[in-house]
């Protein structure tokens, strides 16, 4: 995934005029990793999130030397993980929050359990919303921006991906 041109906040102002701090959720996946790498290459201080300590350690060890990218753990299905990351992020002076983490649940609606559907919505909707709400004061103070990245299934859902399209 390529990001062309300068990054802009919600008011259309270019945000690359000073050292920026960005938080990218889902930085262990293809699009999240590409976004985090692009921001780091552009000079941003980048904190990316992944679901496990092992993955964070592996990605931190394999990143390019000098790249200002640090991977942290975040489990969007758990409020305590969201709260812990939000507490750390308050000290980071985040300018750009990119909610990219999520997953797809495949299956016919009548076969999916309530627990599966609740997890889908917690990870794709409510978890990112909880994180965003915690970071809004910092984002407002720094005239930052919040970006949500969803699934293409929202625009062209398949019969077995109704839960993902809805979330």
Foldseek 3Di string as FASTA:
>chain_A
DDDDDADAAPVRHGPLPDAAEEEFEPCLDDVNVNVQQVCQVSRHQYEYEDADPVSQVVCVVPDDPPRNYHYDYADLLDPVRLVVVLVVVVVVLHQEYEAEDADFDFAAPVPDDPVNLVSRCSGQPVSVVVNCVSCVVSNVVNVHHYHYDADCCLVVNDNGGPSRNVD
